[in-house]
C-alpha atoms as a PDB file:
ATOM      1  CA  MET A   1     172.661  69.811  -8.781  1.00  0.00           C
ATOM      2  CA  LEU A   2     168.900  69.956  -8.764  1.00  0.00           C
ATOM      3  CA  ALA A   3     167.244  71.395 -11.105  1.00  0.00           C
ATOM      4  CA  ARG A   4     164.969  74.330 -10.945  1.00  0.00           C
ATOM      5  CA  THR A   5     161.239  73.603  -9.777  1.00  0.00           C
ATOM      6  CA  ALA A   6     157.747  75.021 -11.154  1.00  0.00           C
ATOM      7  CA  ASP A   7     157.451  76.935  -7.958  1.00  0.00           C
ATOM      8  CA  GLU A   8     160.841  78.985  -8.731  1.00  0.00           C
ATOM      9  CA  ARG A   9     159.331  81.280 -10.884  1.00  0.00           C
ATOM     10  CA  PRO A  10     161.478  83.984 -12.735  1.00  0.00           C
ATOM     11  CA  GLY A  11     160.708  87.524 -12.977  1.00  0.00           C
ATOM     12  CA  SER A  12     157.795  89.395 -14.638  1.00  0.00           C
ATOM     13  CA  LEU A  13     160.835  91.625 -16.032  1.00  0.00           C
ATOM     14  CA  ALA A  14     162.534  88.767 -17.416  1.00  0.00           C
ATOM     15  CA  LEU A  15     159.549  87.110 -18.863  1.00  0.00           C
ATOM     16  CA  GLY A  16     158.243  90.006 -20.644  1.00  0.00           C
ATOM     17  CA  ALA A  17     161.629  90.819 -21.902  1.00  0.00           C
ATOM     18  CA  LEU A  18     161.421  86.937 -23.671  1.00  0.00           C
ATOM     19  CA  VAL A  19     158.389  87.560 -25.141  1.00  0.00           C
ATOM     20  CA  PHE A  20     159.490  90.917 -26.788  1.00  0.00           C
ATOM     21  CA  GLY A  21     161.909  88.879 -27.986  1.00  0.00           C
ATOM     22  CA  ALA A  22     160.205  86.190 -28.729  1.00  0.00           C
ATOM     23  CA  GLY A  23     157.546  88.072 -30.803  1.00  0.00           C
ATOM     24  CA  ILE A  24     160.313  90.628 -32.657  1.00  0.00           C
ATOM     25  CA  GLY A  25     162.044  87.128 -33.555  1.00  0.00           C
ATOM     26  CA  ALA A  26     158.819  85.733 -35.222  1.00  0.00           C
ATOM     27  CA  LEU A  27     157.962  88.977 -37.171  1.00  0.00           C
ATOM     28  CA  ALA A  28     162.000  89.378 -38.210  1.00  0.00           C
ATOM     29  CA  THR A  29     161.725  85.813 -39.134  1.00  0.00           C
ATOM     30  CA  GLU A  30     158.984  87.005 -41.555  1.00  0.00           C
ATOM     31  CA  ILE A  31     160.156  89.800 -42.642  1.00  0.00           C
ATOM     32  CA  THR A  32     163.329  88.401 -43.740  1.00  0.00           C
ATOM     33  CA  ALA A  33     161.785  85.488 -45.310  1.00  0.00           C
ATOM     34  CA  SER A  34     160.127  87.566 -47.782  1.00  0.00           C
ATOM     35  CA  ARG A  35     163.731  89.036 -48.713  1.00  0.00           C
ATOM     36  CA  LEU A  36     165.253  85.064 -48.683  1.00  0.00           C
ATOM     37  CA  ILE A  37     162.384  83.913 -51.039  1.00  0.00           C
ATOM     38  CA  ALA A  38     162.070  87.218 -53.391  1.00  0.00           C
ATOM     39  CA  PRO A  39     165.123  86.287 -55.664  1.00  0.00           C
ATOM     40  CA  TYR A  40     163.472  82.672 -56.283  1.00  0.00           C
ATOM     41  CA  PHE A  41     159.764  82.989 -56.515  1.00  0.00           C
ATOM     42  CA  GLY A  42     159.301  87.154 -56.897  1.00  0.00           C
ATOM     43  CA  SER A  43     157.241  89.234 -54.029  1.00  0.00           C
ATOM     44  CA  SER A  44     153.516  88.842 -55.756  1.00  0.00           C
ATOM     45  CA  THR A  45     150.426  88.890 -53.659  1.00  0.00           C
ATOM     46  CA  ILE A  46     150.411  84.440 -53.634  1.00  0.00           C
ATOM     47  CA  VAL A  47     153.717  84.697 -52.833  1.00  0.00           C
ATOM     48  CA  TRP A  48     152.899  86.866 -49.730  1.00  0.00           C
ATOM     49  CA  ALA A  49     149.853  85.003 -49.080  1.00  0.00           C
ATOM     50  CA  ASN A  50     151.785  82.152 -48.597  1.00  0.00           C
ATOM     51  CA  LEU A  51     154.500  83.503 -46.136  1.00  0.00           C
ATOM     52  CA  ILE A  52     151.502  85.401 -44.130  1.00  0.00           C
ATOM     53  CA  GLY A  53     149.423  82.130 -43.883  1.00  0.00           C
ATOM     54  CA  ILE A  54     151.677  79.785 -43.214  1.00  0.00           C
ATOM     55  CA  VAL A  55     153.592  81.779 -40.398  1.00  0.00           C
ATOM     56  CA  LEU A  56     150.030  82.434 -38.719  1.00  0.00           C
ATOM     57  CA  ALA A  57     149.669  79.217 -38.956  1.00  0.00           C
ATOM     58  CA  ALA A  58     152.486  78.552 -36.974  1.00  0.00           C
ATOM     59  CA  LEU A  59     152.662  81.270 -34.413  1.00  0.00           C
ATOM     60  CA  ALA A  60     148.301  79.567 -33.838  1.00  0.00           C
ATOM     61  CA  LEU A  61     150.133  76.165 -33.828  1.00  0.00           C
ATOM     62  CA  GLY A  62     152.957  77.302 -31.479  1.00  0.00           C
ATOM     63  CA  TYR A  63     150.691  79.108 -29.138  1.00  0.00           C
ATOM     64  CA  TRP A  64     148.715  75.887 -28.664  1.00  0.00           C
ATOM     65  CA  LEU A  65     151.772  73.482 -27.897  1.00  0.00           C
ATOM     66  CA  GLY A  66     153.192  75.742 -25.775  1.00  0.00           C
ATOM     67  CA  GLY A  67     150.212  76.004 -23.667  1.00  0.00           C
ATOM     68  CA  ARG A  68     150.020  72.157 -23.897  1.00  0.00           C
ATOM     69  CA  VAL A  69     153.739  71.637 -22.802  1.00  0.00           C
ATOM     70  CA  ALA A  70     153.504  74.352 -20.011  1.00  0.00           C
ATOM     71  CA  ASP A  71     150.633  72.704 -18.185  1.00  0.00           C
ATOM     72  CA  ARG A  72     152.390  69.632 -18.019  1.00  0.00           C
ATOM     73  CA  ARG A  73     155.840  70.480 -17.405  1.00  0.00           C
ATOM     74  CA  PRO A  74     155.799  73.996 -16.168  1.00  0.00           C
ATOM     75  CA  PHE A  75     159.645  74.719 -15.597  1.00  0.00           C
ATOM     76  CA  PRO A  76     161.715  77.854 -16.881  1.00  0.00           C
ATOM     77  CA  SER A  77     164.833  75.143 -18.142  1.00  0.00           C
ATOM     78  CA  LEU A  78     162.159  73.797 -20.043  1.00  0.00           C
ATOM     79  CA  LEU A  79     161.331  77.415 -21.943  1.00  0.00           C
ATOM     80  CA  GLY A  80     164.928  78.293 -22.153  1.00  0.00           C
ATOM     81  CA  SER A  81     165.501  75.163 -24.054  1.00  0.00           C
ATOM     82  CA  ILE A  82     162.792  75.832 -26.507  1.00  0.00           C
ATOM     83  CA  VAL A  83     164.455  79.591 -27.057  1.00  0.00           C
ATOM     84  CA  LEU A  84     167.577  78.223 -27.580  1.00  0.00           C
ATOM     85  CA  ALA A  85     166.046  75.684 -30.065  1.00  0.00           C
ATOM     86  CA  ALA A  86     164.326  78.526 -32.077  1.00  0.00           C
ATOM     87  CA  ALA A  87     167.417  80.561 -32.059  1.00  0.00           C
ATOM     88  CA  VAL A  88     169.561  77.287 -33.819  1.00  0.00           C
ATOM     89  CA  CYS A  89     166.552  77.153 -36.154  1.00  0.00           C
ATOM     90  CA  VAL A  90     166.737  80.679 -36.803  1.00  0.00           C
ATOM     91  CA  ALA A  91     170.120  80.480 -37.271  1.00  0.00           C
ATOM     92  CA  ALA A  92     170.417  77.715 -39.460  1.00  0.00           C
ATOM     93  CA  ILE A  93     168.269  78.988 -42.146  1.00  0.00           C
ATOM     94  CA  PRO A  94     171.038  81.095 -44.027  1.00  0.00           C
ATOM     95  CA  PHE A  95     173.216  78.117 -44.636  1.00  0.00           C
ATOM     96  CA  VAL A  96     170.382  76.021 -46.309  1.00  0.00           C
ATOM     97  CA  ALA A  97     168.304  78.398 -47.888  1.00  0.00           C
ATOM     98  CA  LYS A  98     170.888  78.483 -50.843  1.00  0.00           C
ATOM     99  CA  PRO A  99     171.197  74.776 -51.380  1.00  0.00           C
ATOM    100  CA  PHE A 100     167.012  74.102 -50.928  1.00  0.00           C
ATOM    101  CA  LEU A 101     166.090  77.011 -53.008  1.00  0.00           C
ATOM    102  CA  ASP A 102     168.296  76.346 -55.634  1.00  0.00           C
ATOM    103  CA  LEU A 103     166.816  72.739 -55.622  1.00  0.00           C
ATOM    104  CA  THR A 104     163.242  73.563 -55.380  1.00  0.00           C
ATOM    105  CA  VAL A 105     163.893  76.143 -58.190  1.00  0.00           C
ATOM    106  CA  GLU A 106     165.416  73.804 -60.413  1.00  0.00           C
ATOM    107  CA  GLY A 107     162.465  70.952 -59.960  1.00  0.00           C
ATOM    108  CA  LEU A 108     159.681  72.997 -60.317  1.00  0.00           C
ATOM    109  CA  ASP A 109     161.113  75.185 -63.035  1.00  0.00           C
ATOM    110  CA  SER A 110     158.392  73.622 -65.804  1.00  0.00           C
ATOM    111  CA  ALA A 111     155.539  73.566 -63.194  1.00  0.00           C
ATOM    112  CA  SER A 112     152.788  76.256 -64.262  1.00  0.00           C
ATOM    113  CA  ALA A 113     152.477  76.729 -60.279  1.00  0.00           C
ATOM    114  CA  GLY A 114     155.928  76.847 -59.733  1.00  0.00           C
ATOM    115  CA  ALA A 115     156.010  80.262 -57.894  1.00  0.00           C
ATOM    116  CA  VAL A 116     152.945  78.710 -56.017  1.00  0.00           C
ATOM    117  CA  ILE A 117     154.001  75.427 -54.835  1.00  0.00           C
ATOM    118  CA  GLY A 118     157.850  76.370 -54.220  1.00  0.00           C
ATOM    119  CA  SER A 119     157.426  79.672 -52.125  1.00  0.00           C
ATOM    120  CA  PHE A 120     154.958  77.554 -50.000  1.00  0.00           C
ATOM    121  CA  LEU A 121     157.542  74.819 -49.476  1.00  0.00           C
ATOM    122  CA  ALA A 122     160.020  77.081 -48.644  1.00  0.00           C
ATOM    123  CA  VAL A 123     158.225  78.991 -45.806  1.00  0.00           C
ATOM    124  CA  LEU A 124     156.886  75.603 -44.889  1.00  0.00           C
ATOM    125  CA  LEU A 125     160.040  74.254 -44.591  1.00  0.00           C
ATOM    126  CA  LEU A 126     162.395  76.910 -43.584  1.00  0.00           C
ATOM    127  CA  CYS A 127     160.588  79.293 -41.605  1.00  0.00           C
ATOM    128  CA  ALA A 128     157.797  77.240 -40.289  1.00  0.00           C
ATOM    129  CA  PRO A 129     159.397  75.585 -37.676  1.00  0.00           C
ATOM    130  CA  PRO A 130     161.474  78.453 -35.789  1.00  0.00           C
ATOM    131  CA  VAL A 131     158.211  80.654 -35.774  1.00  0.00           C
ATOM    132  CA  VAL A 132     156.227  77.643 -34.227  1.00  0.00           C
ATOM    133  CA  LEU A 133     158.754  77.351 -31.405  1.00  0.00           C
ATOM    134  CA  LEU A 134     158.905  81.278 -30.809  1.00  0.00           C
ATOM    135  CA  GLY A 135     155.259  81.150 -30.799  1.00  0.00           C
ATOM    136  CA  MET A 136     155.317  78.635 -27.700  1.00  0.00           C
ATOM    137  CA  VAL A 137     157.171  81.005 -25.684  1.00  0.00           C
ATOM    138  CA  SER A 138     154.193  83.447 -24.773  1.00  0.00           C
ATOM    139  CA  PRO A 139     151.854  81.031 -23.517  1.00  0.00           C
ATOM    140  CA  PHE A 140     154.581  79.317 -21.507  1.00  0.00           C
ATOM    141  CA  ALA A 141     155.654  82.650 -20.277  1.00  0.00           C
ATOM    142  CA  ILE A 142     152.121  83.085 -19.166  1.00  0.00           C
ATOM    143  CA  ARG A 143     152.126  79.615 -17.165  1.00  0.00           C
ATOM    144  CA  LEU A 144     154.842  80.711 -15.505  1.00  0.00           C
ATOM    145  CA  ALA A 145     154.278  84.345 -14.606  1.00  0.00           C
ATOM    146  CA  VAL A 146     150.597  82.933 -13.084  1.00  0.00           C
ATOM    147  CA  SER A 147     151.042  82.188  -9.524  1.00  0.00           C
ATOM    148  CA  SER A 148     147.273  81.998  -8.573  1.00  0.00           C
ATOM    149  CA  ILE A 149     144.272  81.076 -10.663  1.00  0.00           C
ATOM    150  CA  GLU A 150     143.181  84.559  -9.848  1.00  0.00           C
ATOM    151  CA  THR A 151     145.448  86.508 -11.696  1.00  0.00           C
ATOM    152  CA  ALA A 152     145.506  84.344 -15.279  1.00  0.00           C
ATOM    153  CA  GLY A 153     143.326  86.313 -16.674  1.00  0.00           C
ATOM    154  CA  THR A 154     145.233  89.653 -16.274  1.00  0.00           C
ATOM    155  CA  VAL A 155     148.236  88.387 -17.057  1.00  0.00           C
ATOM    156  CA  ALA A 156     146.885  86.545 -20.038  1.00  0.00           C
ATOM    157  CA  GLY A 157     145.220  90.074 -21.224  1.00  0.00           C
ATOM    158  CA  LEU A 158     148.678  91.711 -20.572  1.00  0.00           C
ATOM    159  CA  VAL A 159     150.692  89.544 -22.710  1.00  0.00           C
ATOM    160  CA  ALA A 160     147.966  89.251 -25.540  1.00  0.00           C
ATOM    161  CA  THR A 161     147.911  93.184 -25.716  1.00  0.00           C
ATOM    162  CA  PHE A 162     151.733  93.079 -26.137  1.00  0.00           C
ATOM    163  CA  THR A 163     151.386  90.627 -29.045  1.00  0.00           C
ATOM    164  CA  ASN A 164     148.223  92.741 -30.628  1.00  0.00           C
ATOM    165  CA  PHE A 165     150.742  95.541 -30.472  1.00  0.00           C
ATOM    166  CA  LEU A 166     153.411  93.783 -32.550  1.00  0.00           C
ATOM    167  CA  LEU A 167     151.328  92.573 -35.097  1.00  0.00           C
ATOM    168  CA  ASN A 168     149.592  96.303 -35.816  1.00  0.00           C
ATOM    169  CA  ASN A 169     152.869  97.781 -35.523  1.00  0.00           C
ATOM    170  CA  ALA A 170     154.519  95.422 -38.236  1.00  0.00           C
ATOM    171  CA  TYR A 171     151.488  95.327 -40.553  1.00  0.00           C
ATOM    172  CA  THR A 172     148.109  97.506 -39.693  1.00  0.00           C
ATOM    173  CA  TRP A 173     150.340 101.034 -39.289  1.00  0.00           C
ATOM    174  CA  ALA A 174     153.757  99.702 -40.994  1.00  0.00           C
ATOM    175  CA  ASP A 175     153.482 102.718 -42.903  1.00  0.00           C
ATOM    176  CA  ARG A 176     153.710 104.963 -40.413  1.00  0.00           C
ATOM    177  CA  ARG A 177     156.288 103.590 -38.111  1.00  0.00           C
ATOM    178  CA  ASN A 178     158.696 106.045 -39.062  1.00  0.00           C
ATOM    179  CA  LYS A 179     155.871 108.913 -39.557  1.00  0.00           C
ATOM    180  CA  SER A 180     154.722 108.849 -36.007  1.00  0.00           C
ATOM    181  CA  THR A 181     155.257 111.660 -33.692  1.00  0.00           C
ATOM    182  CA  SER A 182     155.702 108.637 -31.127  1.00  0.00           C
ATOM    183  CA  SER A 183     158.345 106.533 -30.234  1.00  0.00           C
ATOM    184  CA  PHE A 184     158.259 102.865 -29.623  1.00  0.00           C
ATOM    185  CA  ALA A 185     158.198 102.739 -26.274  1.00  0.00           C
ATOM    186  CA  GLN A 186     155.496 105.995 -26.295  1.00  0.00           C
ATOM    187  CA  ARG A 187     153.258 104.007 -28.820  1.00  0.00           C
ATOM    188  CA  LEU A 188     153.275 100.664 -26.779  1.00  0.00           C
ATOM    189  CA  GLY A 189     152.213 102.462 -23.874  1.00  0.00           C
ATOM    190  CA  LYS A 190     149.607 104.353 -25.697  1.00  0.00           C
ATOM    191  CA  TYR A 191     148.268 101.225 -26.996  1.00  0.00           C
ATOM    192  CA  TYR A 192     147.825  99.826 -24.047  1.00  0.00           C
ATOM    193  CA  VAL A 193     145.823 102.458 -22.248  1.00  0.00           C
ATOM    194  CA  ALA A 194     143.441 103.031 -25.881  1.00  0.00           C
ATOM    195  CA  THR A 195     143.011  98.991 -25.480  1.00  0.00           C
ATOM    196  CA  TRP A 196     142.351  98.656 -22.064  1.00  0.00           C
ATOM    197  CA  ALA A 197     140.062 101.863 -22.339  1.00  0.00           C
ATOM    198  CA  GLY A 198     137.954 100.358 -25.643  1.00  0.00           C
ATOM    199  CA  TYR A 199     137.651  97.116 -23.662  1.00  0.00           C
ATOM    200  CA  ALA A 200     136.387  99.452 -20.444  1.00  0.00           C
ATOM    201  CA  VAL A 201     133.831 100.601 -23.049  1.00  0.00           C
ATOM    202  CA  TYR A 202     133.201  97.435 -24.212  1.00  0.00           C
ATOM    203  CA  LEU A 203     132.053  95.795 -20.696  1.00  0.00           C
ATOM    204  CA  GLY A 204     129.786  98.992 -19.788  1.00  0.00           C
ATOM    205  CA  LEU A 205     127.763  98.824 -23.286  1.00  0.00           C
ATOM    206  CA  LEU A 206     127.846  95.064 -22.436  1.00  0.00           C
ATOM    207  CA  SER A 207     126.368  95.333 -19.100  1.00  0.00           C
ATOM    208  CA  ALA A 208     124.127  98.296 -19.929  1.00  0.00           C
ATOM    209  CA  LEU A 209     122.279  96.500 -22.774  1.00  0.00           C
ATOM    210  CA  THR A 210     122.024  93.454 -20.818  1.00  0.00           C
ATOM    211  CA  TYR A 211     120.262  95.250 -18.185  1.00  0.00           C
ATOM    212  CA  VAL A 212     117.673  96.810 -20.639  1.00  0.00           C
ATOM    213  CA  GLY A 213     116.937  93.340 -21.800  1.00  0.00           C
ATOM    214  CA  VAL A 214     118.977  92.897 -24.809  1.00  0.00           C
ATOM    215  CA  ILE A 215     119.256  89.068 -25.442  1.00  0.00           C
ATOM    216  CA  PRO A 216     123.328  88.317 -24.478  1.00  0.00           C
ATOM    217  CA  MET A 217     124.319  87.619 -27.966  1.00  0.00           C
ATOM    218  CA  LEU A 218     123.366  90.828 -29.581  1.00  0.00           C
ATOM    219  CA  ALA A 219     124.297  92.782 -26.344  1.00  0.00           C
ATOM    220  CA  ASN A 220     127.886  91.399 -26.694  1.00  0.00           C
ATOM    221  CA  LEU A 221     128.131  91.992 -30.664  1.00  0.00           C
ATOM    222  CA  LEU A 222     127.128  95.595 -30.486  1.00  0.00           C
ATOM    223  CA  ALA A 223     129.472  95.725 -27.603  1.00  0.00           C
ATOM    224  CA  ILE A 224     132.345  94.397 -29.197  1.00  0.00           C
ATOM    225  CA  GLY A 225     131.787  96.553 -32.583  1.00  0.00           C
ATOM    226  CA  VAL A 226     131.418  99.902 -30.557  1.00  0.00           C
ATOM    227  CA  GLY A 227     134.711  98.994 -28.863  1.00  0.00           C
ATOM    228  CA  GLY A 228     136.353  97.855 -31.606  1.00  0.00           C
ATOM    229  CA  LEU A 229     135.521 100.632 -33.317  1.00  0.00           C
ATOM    230  CA  LEU A 230     136.701 102.832 -30.784  1.00  0.00           C
ATOM    231  CA  ASN A 231     139.892 101.045 -30.701  1.00  0.00           C
ATOM    232  CA  TYR A 232     140.305 101.946 -34.047  1.00  0.00           C
ATOM    233  CA  VAL A 233     139.994 105.306 -33.850  1.00  0.00           C
ATOM    234  CA  ALA A 234     142.077 105.278 -31.213  1.00  0.00           C
ATOM    235  CA  HIS A 235     145.015 103.839 -32.436  1.00  0.00           C
ATOM    236  CA  ASN A 236     144.721 105.727 -35.621  1.00  0.00           C
ATOM    237  CA  ALA A 237     144.745 109.454 -34.084  1.00  0.00           C
ATOM    238  CA  TRP A 238     146.465 108.776 -31.417  1.00  0.00           C
ATOM    239  CA  THR A 239     148.717 105.643 -31.060  1.00  0.00           C
ATOM    240  CA  TRP A 240     150.291 105.787 -34.671  1.00  0.00           C
ATOM    241  CA  ARG A 241     149.580 109.804 -35.095  1.00  0.00           C
ATOM    242  CA  GLU A 242     151.130 110.798 -38.452  1.00  0.00           C
ATOM    243  CA  GLN A 243     153.864 113.372 -38.173  1.00  0.00           C
ATOM    244  CA  ARG A 244     152.337 116.358 -40.090  1.00  0.00           C
ATOM    245  CA  THR A 245     154.864 118.293 -42.383  1.00  0.00           C
ATOM    246  CA  GLY A 246     154.881 121.783 -42.133  1.00  0.00           C
ATOM    247  CA  SER A 247     153.879 123.701 -45.162  1.00  0.00           C
END
């Protein structure tokens, strides 16, 4: 049976669900990693810094690798293999974590910076590989979803907005997830509306400033600042609006 060619692309709904699952998987891996290493190295600021820094670096590496691999071999079967490999890596963590962490604690017990070094190695070796693989999913899905160069920007923008929503929902407004007046799906819809409205403001202001003679670099900085501020205000007051308790 012939392998599926690059022209036989999966549907946008399937790709969207896959990107959603990969994003949730990466965040879940990070959150569970914090609980996994806490009994061994604690949950101090430096431990969280190691965790967040390595996960973000792993995602960045995954985005880069995913784009490179997708450009060379844009096959859905390869994307499936990447997701399968990520799932295997995540499934193996509970089985290899305890002996590895026990050995790490024993070896670094006398070191003054044992918690720093130990948590760094634990996150790097246990969590970074699956996060890199999960990070490869988004750019690979974008490559498969793009049917022509004219639609590349729109597809990339939609996927990037969705990824940013997951990060904001997990970190920036994490304390409001259970207090918000909106469900997850409603927050996602509001996020798209507010984000793209802010982008429209950015484009309009940039065009106006450029038209009146403001130098392009300064005009771009001012437009980004205003658009970003409006985005934050809209998300804070509307997307993640906190439910007020009755007096």
